[in-house]
Every structure is written in structure tokens, then in C-alpha cells.
Amino acid sequence: MNKNLSKLAIGATFGVALAIAPLAVAQEHQHGKSDAASEKTVTGEVVDMMCYVDHNAVGEGHGQSCGAKCIKNGGPVGIVENGKAYLVVGEHKPMNDELADSCGKTIALKGKLADRGGIAMLENAEIVKK
């Protein structure tokens, strides 16, 4: 009987922990209040990050053939300004549909800059209209 009670207590504790965990994560992640994030406008070439990082694939020739296809198929999208690459995401969602046709072209994006572990990201990004 003691074993069953112990198993029940462990199971209940685990269940409560699973139920509370998302609340703790949500509270810890404060949207728009990151100390590491600051507003930035980046003007540069839209790239398919897989090909850019792997073999420095840039330019409109690659962008409109391979790059656009990779982005449309869900590959990570980025923007390169003066040799600095930024991963680009919208408001907690990919911007692939909005940026695929711009791959290999120069555009301006505005968003919050986050940089950690050597990876730069432009989040909550939006296209700056000219």
C-alpha cells in the first residue's frame, strides 16, 4: 500500500509540474521587454540562411532561383548588411512568405535586435516601405 501511495504522490507532483510549467515560462518571457533587444533598421540583402552560411550564396541570381525556393520551403531567412547577417523573424513566427520573393534583393527591415551566442536576430521585423 505504501508503494501505491508513493507512486500516486509522484504522479500527482509530476502532473502539477507539467500544468504549471507553461505559466512559469510565459511569465519569464516578457514580450518586448528584453534588455538585450533594441529597435534597429537594417538595410541589406535578403538571403536564404542555409546557403548563405554554408557557401556564402548571395546575389539576385542565387536569390531568385535557389534562395527563394529554400525560403518558400521553410528554410530560415535572413538579411545581410555590410557583412553582418541577421536571422529574421516576425512576431514569433517566420516571415518566409513575405520575404521569399525579395531573396537576393536589397530591402529595409525594422525590428528589435537581439544578439546571443554570436547569433544576431531581428525579431518582430517588418518591411520598411519606401
N, C-alpha and C. Protein backbone atom coordinates (compact mmCIF):
# COMPACT_ATOMS: atom_id res chain seq x y z
N MET A 1 0.82 -1.19 0.00
CA MET A 1 0.00 0.00 0.00
C MET A 1 0.86 1.25 0.00
N ASN A 2 1.97 1.23 0.69
CA ASN A 2 2.88 2.36 0.75
C ASN A 2 3.45 2.69 -0.63
N LYS A 3 3.76 1.63 -1.42
CA LYS A 3 4.29 1.83 -2.76
C LYS A 3 3.27 2.54 -3.65
N ASN A 4 2.02 2.12 -3.57
CA ASN A 4 0.98 2.73 -4.39
C ASN A 4 0.78 4.20 -4.03
N LEU A 5 0.82 4.50 -2.75
CA LEU A 5 0.66 5.88 -2.29
C LEU A 5 1.84 6.72 -2.76
N SER A 6 3.03 6.16 -2.70
CA SER A 6 4.22 6.86 -3.16
C SER A 6 4.15 7.12 -4.66
N LYS A 7 3.70 6.13 -5.44
CA LYS A 7 3.56 6.30 -6.89
C LYS A 7 2.52 7.37 -7.20
N LEU A 8 1.44 7.38 -6.45
CA LEU A 8 0.39 8.37 -6.64
C LEU A 8 0.91 9.77 -6.35
N ALA A 9 1.68 9.91 -5.28
CA ALA A 9 2.23 11.22 -4.93
C ALA A 9 3.21 11.71 -6.00
N ILE A 10 4.05 10.82 -6.50
CA ILE A 10 5.00 11.19 -7.54
C ILE A 10 4.26 11.58 -8.82
N GLY A 11 3.26 10.80 -9.18
CA GLY A 11 2.46 11.10 -10.38
C GLY A 11 1.74 12.43 -10.26
N ALA A 12 1.17 12.70 -9.09
CA ALA A 12 0.46 13.96 -8.88
C ALA A 12 1.42 15.14 -8.95
N THR A 13 2.59 14.99 -8.34
CA THR A 13 3.59 16.05 -8.36
C THR A 13 4.03 16.33 -9.79
N PHE A 14 4.28 15.28 -10.56
CA PHE A 14 4.69 15.42 -11.95
C PHE A 14 3.59 16.12 -12.76
N GLY A 15 2.34 15.72 -12.54
CA GLY A 15 1.22 16.32 -13.26
C GLY A 15 1.08 17.80 -12.97
N VAL A 16 1.22 18.18 -11.70
CA VAL A 16 1.13 19.59 -11.32
C VAL A 16 2.28 20.37 -11.96
N ALA A 17 3.48 19.78 -11.94
CA ALA A 17 4.65 20.45 -12.55
C ALA A 17 4.42 20.70 -14.04
N LEU A 18 3.86 19.72 -14.74
CA LEU A 18 3.56 19.88 -16.16
C LEU A 18 2.52 20.96 -16.40
N ALA A 19 1.54 21.04 -15.52
CA ALA A 19 0.48 22.03 -15.67
C ALA A 19 0.98 23.44 -15.40
N ILE A 20 1.90 23.59 -14.48
CA ILE A 20 2.39 24.92 -14.09
C ILE A 20 3.53 25.40 -14.98
N ALA A 21 4.30 24.51 -15.57
CA ALA A 21 5.48 24.89 -16.36
C ALA A 21 5.20 25.93 -17.44
N PRO A 22 4.14 25.78 -18.25
CA PRO A 22 3.89 26.80 -19.27
C PRO A 22 3.64 28.18 -18.68
N LEU A 23 3.01 28.24 -17.52
CA LEU A 23 2.76 29.53 -16.87
C LEU A 23 4.07 30.18 -16.44
N ALA A 24 4.99 29.39 -15.93
CA ALA A 24 6.28 29.93 -15.50
C ALA A 24 7.07 30.43 -16.70
N VAL A 25 7.04 29.68 -17.79
CA VAL A 25 7.76 30.09 -18.99
C VAL A 25 7.14 31.37 -19.56
N ALA A 26 5.83 31.43 -19.60
CA ALA A 26 5.15 32.62 -20.13
C ALA A 26 5.47 33.85 -19.29
N GLN A 27 5.51 33.69 -17.99
CA GLN A 27 5.80 34.81 -17.13
C GLN A 27 7.25 35.26 -17.30
N GLU A 28 8.17 34.31 -17.49
CA GLU A 28 9.58 34.63 -17.64
C GLU A 28 9.85 35.35 -18.96
N HIS A 29 9.13 34.98 -20.01
CA HIS A 29 9.33 35.56 -21.33
C HIS A 29 8.41 36.77 -21.48
N GLN A 30 8.94 37.94 -21.27
CA GLN A 30 8.13 39.15 -21.36
C GLN A 30 8.30 39.74 -22.75
N HIS A 31 7.22 39.77 -23.52
CA HIS A 31 7.28 40.27 -24.88
C HIS A 31 7.65 41.75 -24.88
N GLY A 32 8.67 42.06 -25.68
CA GLY A 32 9.04 43.45 -25.86
C GLY A 32 9.78 44.07 -24.70
N LYS A 33 10.17 43.31 -23.69
CA LYS A 33 10.83 43.88 -22.53
C LYS A 33 12.20 43.28 -22.31
N SER A 34 12.80 42.78 -23.36
CA SER A 34 14.12 42.17 -23.25
C SER A 34 15.18 43.25 -23.14
N ASP A 35 16.09 43.10 -22.19
CA ASP A 35 17.18 44.05 -22.03
C ASP A 35 18.12 43.99 -23.22
N ALA A 36 18.23 42.81 -23.86
CA ALA A 36 19.16 42.63 -24.97
C ALA A 36 18.61 43.19 -26.27
N ALA A 37 17.34 43.50 -26.34
CA ALA A 37 16.72 43.92 -27.59
C ALA A 37 16.64 45.44 -27.68
N SER A 38 16.96 45.96 -28.86
CA SER A 38 16.81 47.38 -29.13
C SER A 38 16.30 47.54 -30.55
N GLU A 39 15.57 48.60 -30.80
CA GLU A 39 14.99 48.86 -32.11
C GLU A 39 16.09 49.16 -33.13
N LYS A 40 15.98 48.55 -34.33
CA LYS A 40 17.01 48.76 -35.36
C LYS A 40 16.37 48.62 -36.74
N THR A 41 16.86 49.43 -37.67
CA THR A 41 16.51 49.27 -39.08
C THR A 41 17.74 48.74 -39.80
N VAL A 42 17.56 47.65 -40.52
CA VAL A 42 18.65 47.02 -41.26
C VAL A 42 18.31 47.10 -42.74
N THR A 43 19.23 47.63 -43.53
CA THR A 43 19.07 47.68 -44.98
C THR A 43 20.13 46.78 -45.58
N GLY A 44 19.68 45.74 -46.26
CA GLY A 44 20.63 44.80 -46.82
C GLY A 44 19.96 43.79 -47.72
N GLU A 45 20.72 42.76 -48.07
CA GLU A 45 20.24 41.72 -48.98
C GLU A 45 19.54 40.61 -48.22
N VAL A 46 18.35 40.25 -48.66
CA VAL A 46 17.62 39.12 -48.10
C VAL A 46 18.30 37.85 -48.59
N VAL A 47 18.58 36.93 -47.65
CA VAL A 47 19.28 35.69 -48.00
C VAL A 47 18.57 34.48 -47.40
N ASP A 48 18.79 33.37 -48.07
CA ASP A 48 18.43 32.06 -47.53
C ASP A 48 19.60 31.70 -46.61
N MET A 49 19.37 31.64 -45.31
CA MET A 49 20.45 31.47 -44.34
C MET A 49 21.21 30.16 -44.52
N MET A 50 20.54 29.10 -44.98
CA MET A 50 21.24 27.82 -45.16
C MET A 50 22.34 27.95 -46.19
N CYS A 51 22.03 28.46 -47.36
CA CYS A 51 23.02 28.60 -48.42
C CYS A 51 24.03 29.70 -48.11
N TYR A 52 23.58 30.76 -47.46
CA TYR A 52 24.48 31.85 -47.12
C TYR A 52 25.57 31.37 -46.15
N VAL A 53 25.17 30.69 -45.09
CA VAL A 53 26.14 30.23 -44.11
C VAL A 53 27.01 29.11 -44.68
N ASP A 54 26.40 28.20 -45.43
CA ASP A 54 27.14 27.04 -45.95
C ASP A 54 28.16 27.42 -47.02
N HIS A 55 27.74 28.25 -48.00
CA HIS A 55 28.66 28.56 -49.10
C HIS A 55 28.56 30.00 -49.60
N ASN A 56 28.23 30.92 -48.70
CA ASN A 56 28.21 32.36 -48.99
C ASN A 56 27.41 32.69 -50.25
N ALA A 57 26.28 32.02 -50.42
CA ALA A 57 25.45 32.25 -51.60
C ALA A 57 24.70 33.58 -51.44
N VAL A 58 25.03 34.52 -52.31
CA VAL A 58 24.39 35.83 -52.30
C VAL A 58 24.10 36.24 -53.73
N GLY A 59 23.41 37.33 -53.89
CA GLY A 59 23.13 37.88 -55.21
C GLY A 59 21.77 37.47 -55.73
N GLU A 60 21.30 38.28 -56.66
CA GLU A 60 19.96 38.07 -57.19
C GLU A 60 19.84 36.77 -57.99
N GLY A 61 20.91 36.34 -58.65
CA GLY A 61 20.88 35.08 -59.41
C GLY A 61 20.56 33.91 -58.51
N HIS A 62 21.28 33.79 -57.41
CA HIS A 62 21.01 32.72 -56.45
C HIS A 62 19.70 32.97 -55.73
N GLY A 63 19.47 34.20 -55.35
CA GLY A 63 18.28 34.54 -54.57
C GLY A 63 16.98 34.20 -55.25
N GLN A 64 16.91 34.47 -56.56
CA GLN A 64 15.66 34.24 -57.28
C GLN A 64 15.50 32.81 -57.76
N SER A 65 16.55 32.03 -57.69
CA SER A 65 16.42 30.62 -58.08
C SER A 65 16.38 29.77 -56.82
N CYS A 66 17.52 29.40 -56.32
CA CYS A 66 17.63 28.50 -55.17
C CYS A 66 17.12 29.15 -53.87
N GLY A 67 17.58 30.37 -53.59
CA GLY A 67 17.26 31.02 -52.32
C GLY A 67 15.77 31.17 -52.06
N ALA A 68 15.05 31.67 -53.05
CA ALA A 68 13.60 31.86 -52.89
C ALA A 68 12.90 30.53 -52.65
N LYS A 69 13.34 29.48 -53.35
CA LYS A 69 12.74 28.15 -53.16
C LYS A 69 12.99 27.64 -51.74
N CYS A 70 14.22 27.80 -51.26
CA CYS A 70 14.55 27.34 -49.91
C CYS A 70 13.70 28.07 -48.86
N ILE A 71 13.56 29.37 -49.04
CA ILE A 71 12.76 30.16 -48.09
C ILE A 71 11.30 29.75 -48.15
N LYS A 72 10.78 29.58 -49.37
CA LYS A 72 9.37 29.17 -49.51
C LYS A 72 9.12 27.80 -48.91
N ASN A 73 10.16 26.95 -48.89
CA ASN A 73 10.03 25.61 -48.30
C ASN A 73 10.32 25.59 -46.80
N GLY A 74 10.45 26.75 -46.20
CA GLY A 74 10.60 26.82 -44.74
C GLY A 74 12.00 27.02 -44.22
N GLY A 75 12.99 27.18 -45.11
CA GLY A 75 14.35 27.44 -44.66
C GLY A 75 14.43 28.79 -43.97
N PRO A 76 15.37 28.96 -43.06
CA PRO A 76 15.48 30.24 -42.34
C PRO A 76 15.86 31.38 -43.27
N VAL A 77 15.26 32.53 -43.04
CA VAL A 77 15.51 33.71 -43.85
C VAL A 77 16.32 34.71 -43.03
N GLY A 78 17.19 35.43 -43.72
CA GLY A 78 17.99 36.43 -43.04
C GLY A 78 18.19 37.64 -43.91
N ILE A 79 18.91 38.61 -43.35
CA ILE A 79 19.28 39.81 -44.09
C ILE A 79 20.73 40.10 -43.75
N VAL A 80 21.50 40.51 -44.77
CA VAL A 80 22.92 40.80 -44.59
C VAL A 80 23.16 42.27 -44.89
N GLU A 81 23.71 42.97 -43.90
CA GLU A 81 24.03 44.39 -44.04
C GLU A 81 25.51 44.57 -43.73
N ASN A 82 26.26 45.06 -44.70
CA ASN A 82 27.70 45.30 -44.51
C ASN A 82 28.43 44.10 -43.91
N GLY A 83 28.14 42.91 -44.41
CA GLY A 83 28.82 41.70 -43.96
C GLY A 83 28.29 41.09 -42.67
N LYS A 84 27.32 41.73 -42.03
CA LYS A 84 26.72 41.21 -40.79
C LYS A 84 25.37 40.58 -41.13
N ALA A 85 25.22 39.30 -40.77
CA ALA A 85 23.97 38.57 -41.07
C ALA A 85 23.05 38.57 -39.85
N TYR A 86 21.78 38.74 -40.10
CA TYR A 86 20.75 38.72 -39.07
C TYR A 86 19.69 37.69 -39.45
N LEU A 87 19.35 36.81 -38.54
CA LEU A 87 18.20 35.93 -38.71
C LEU A 87 16.97 36.81 -38.59
N VAL A 88 15.97 36.60 -39.43
CA VAL A 88 14.79 37.48 -39.43
C VAL A 88 13.55 36.67 -39.06
N VAL A 89 12.81 37.15 -38.08
CA VAL A 89 11.53 36.55 -37.71
C VAL A 89 10.51 37.66 -37.48
N GLY A 90 9.25 37.31 -37.68
CA GLY A 90 8.18 38.25 -37.39
C GLY A 90 7.86 38.19 -35.91
N GLU A 91 6.63 38.43 -35.59
CA GLU A 91 6.22 38.39 -34.18
C GLU A 91 6.01 36.94 -33.78
N HIS A 92 7.11 36.27 -33.40
CA HIS A 92 7.13 34.86 -33.01
C HIS A 92 6.62 33.93 -34.11
N LYS A 93 6.90 34.30 -35.35
CA LYS A 93 6.54 33.45 -36.48
C LYS A 93 7.47 33.77 -37.63
N PRO A 94 7.66 32.83 -38.53
CA PRO A 94 8.52 33.08 -39.70
C PRO A 94 7.94 34.15 -40.61
N MET A 95 8.83 34.79 -41.37
CA MET A 95 8.41 35.79 -42.37
C MET A 95 8.70 35.29 -43.78
N ASN A 96 8.78 33.98 -43.92
CA ASN A 96 9.16 33.39 -45.19
C ASN A 96 8.26 33.82 -46.34
N ASP A 97 6.95 33.79 -46.13
CA ASP A 97 6.03 34.14 -47.21
C ASP A 97 6.22 35.60 -47.66
N GLU A 98 6.48 36.49 -46.71
CA GLU A 98 6.63 37.90 -47.03
C GLU A 98 7.98 38.21 -47.70
N LEU A 99 9.02 37.40 -47.41
CA LEU A 99 10.37 37.73 -47.85
C LEU A 99 10.92 36.87 -48.98
N ALA A 100 10.30 35.76 -49.30
CA ALA A 100 10.84 34.85 -50.31
C ALA A 100 11.10 35.53 -51.65
N ASP A 101 10.16 36.33 -52.12
CA ASP A 101 10.32 36.97 -53.43
C ASP A 101 11.36 38.09 -53.41
N SER A 102 11.79 38.50 -52.22
CA SER A 102 12.83 39.53 -52.09
C SER A 102 14.22 38.94 -51.95
N CYS A 103 14.33 37.62 -51.96
CA CYS A 103 15.64 36.98 -51.78
C CYS A 103 16.60 37.43 -52.88
N GLY A 104 17.77 37.87 -52.48
CA GLY A 104 18.77 38.36 -53.42
C GLY A 104 18.65 39.84 -53.70
N LYS A 105 17.63 40.47 -53.16
CA LYS A 105 17.39 41.90 -53.37
C LYS A 105 17.66 42.67 -52.08
N THR A 106 17.90 43.96 -52.22
CA THR A 106 18.14 44.82 -51.07
C THR A 106 16.83 45.45 -50.62
N ILE A 107 16.53 45.29 -49.33
CA ILE A 107 15.34 45.90 -48.75
C ILE A 107 15.71 46.43 -47.36
N ALA A 108 14.78 47.11 -46.72
CA ALA A 108 14.97 47.59 -45.35
C ALA A 108 13.95 46.90 -44.45
N LEU A 109 14.43 46.42 -43.31
CA LEU A 109 13.57 45.80 -42.31
C LEU A 109 13.79 46.52 -40.99
N LYS A 110 12.72 46.69 -40.23
CA LYS A 110 12.80 47.31 -38.91
C LYS A 110 12.31 46.30 -37.88
N GLY A 111 13.02 46.20 -36.76
CA GLY A 111 12.60 45.29 -35.71
C GLY A 111 13.47 45.44 -34.48
N LYS A 112 13.33 44.51 -33.57
CA LYS A 112 14.12 44.52 -32.35
C LYS A 112 15.35 43.65 -32.54
N LEU A 113 16.49 44.20 -32.23
CA LEU A 113 17.74 43.48 -32.37
C LEU A 113 17.99 42.66 -31.12
N ALA A 114 18.26 41.39 -31.31
CA ALA A 114 18.66 40.50 -30.21
C ALA A 114 19.93 39.79 -30.66
N ASP A 115 20.88 39.66 -29.76
CA ASP A 115 22.17 39.05 -30.10
C ASP A 115 22.60 38.18 -28.93
N ARG A 116 22.77 36.89 -29.20
CA ARG A 116 23.19 35.98 -28.14
C ARG A 116 24.01 34.85 -28.73
N GLY A 117 25.10 34.55 -28.08
CA GLY A 117 25.93 33.43 -28.51
C GLY A 117 26.48 33.57 -29.91
N GLY A 118 26.66 34.81 -30.36
CA GLY A 118 27.20 35.04 -31.69
C GLY A 118 26.15 35.05 -32.79
N ILE A 119 24.89 34.87 -32.44
CA ILE A 119 23.82 34.89 -33.44
C ILE A 119 23.01 36.17 -33.26
N ALA A 120 22.90 36.93 -34.35
CA ALA A 120 22.11 38.16 -34.34
C ALA A 120 20.75 37.87 -34.97
N MET A 121 19.72 38.45 -34.36
CA MET A 121 18.36 38.22 -34.86
C MET A 121 17.60 39.53 -34.86
N LEU A 122 16.85 39.75 -35.90
CA LEU A 122 15.93 40.87 -35.99
C LEU A 122 14.54 40.28 -35.80
N GLU A 123 13.95 40.54 -34.63
CA GLU A 123 12.64 39.95 -34.32
C GLU A 123 11.54 41.00 -34.40
N ASN A 124 10.32 40.51 -34.51
CA ASN A 124 9.16 41.37 -34.71
C ASN A 124 9.42 42.29 -35.92
N ALA A 125 10.10 41.74 -36.90
CA ALA A 125 10.52 42.51 -38.06
C ALA A 125 9.34 42.87 -38.96
N GLU A 126 9.48 44.00 -39.59
CA GLU A 126 8.51 44.42 -40.58
C GLU A 126 9.25 45.12 -41.71
N ILE A 127 8.71 45.00 -42.90
CA ILE A 127 9.32 45.61 -44.08
C ILE A 127 9.08 47.10 -44.02
N VAL A 128 10.15 47.88 -44.23
CA VAL A 128 10.04 49.34 -44.29
C VAL A 128 9.69 49.70 -45.73
N LYS A 129 8.54 50.31 -45.89
CA LYS A 129 8.09 50.71 -47.22
C LYS A 129 8.75 52.02 -47.61
N LYS A 130 9.16 52.10 -48.87
CA LYS A 130 9.81 53.33 -49.36
C LYS A 130 8.82 54.24 -50.00
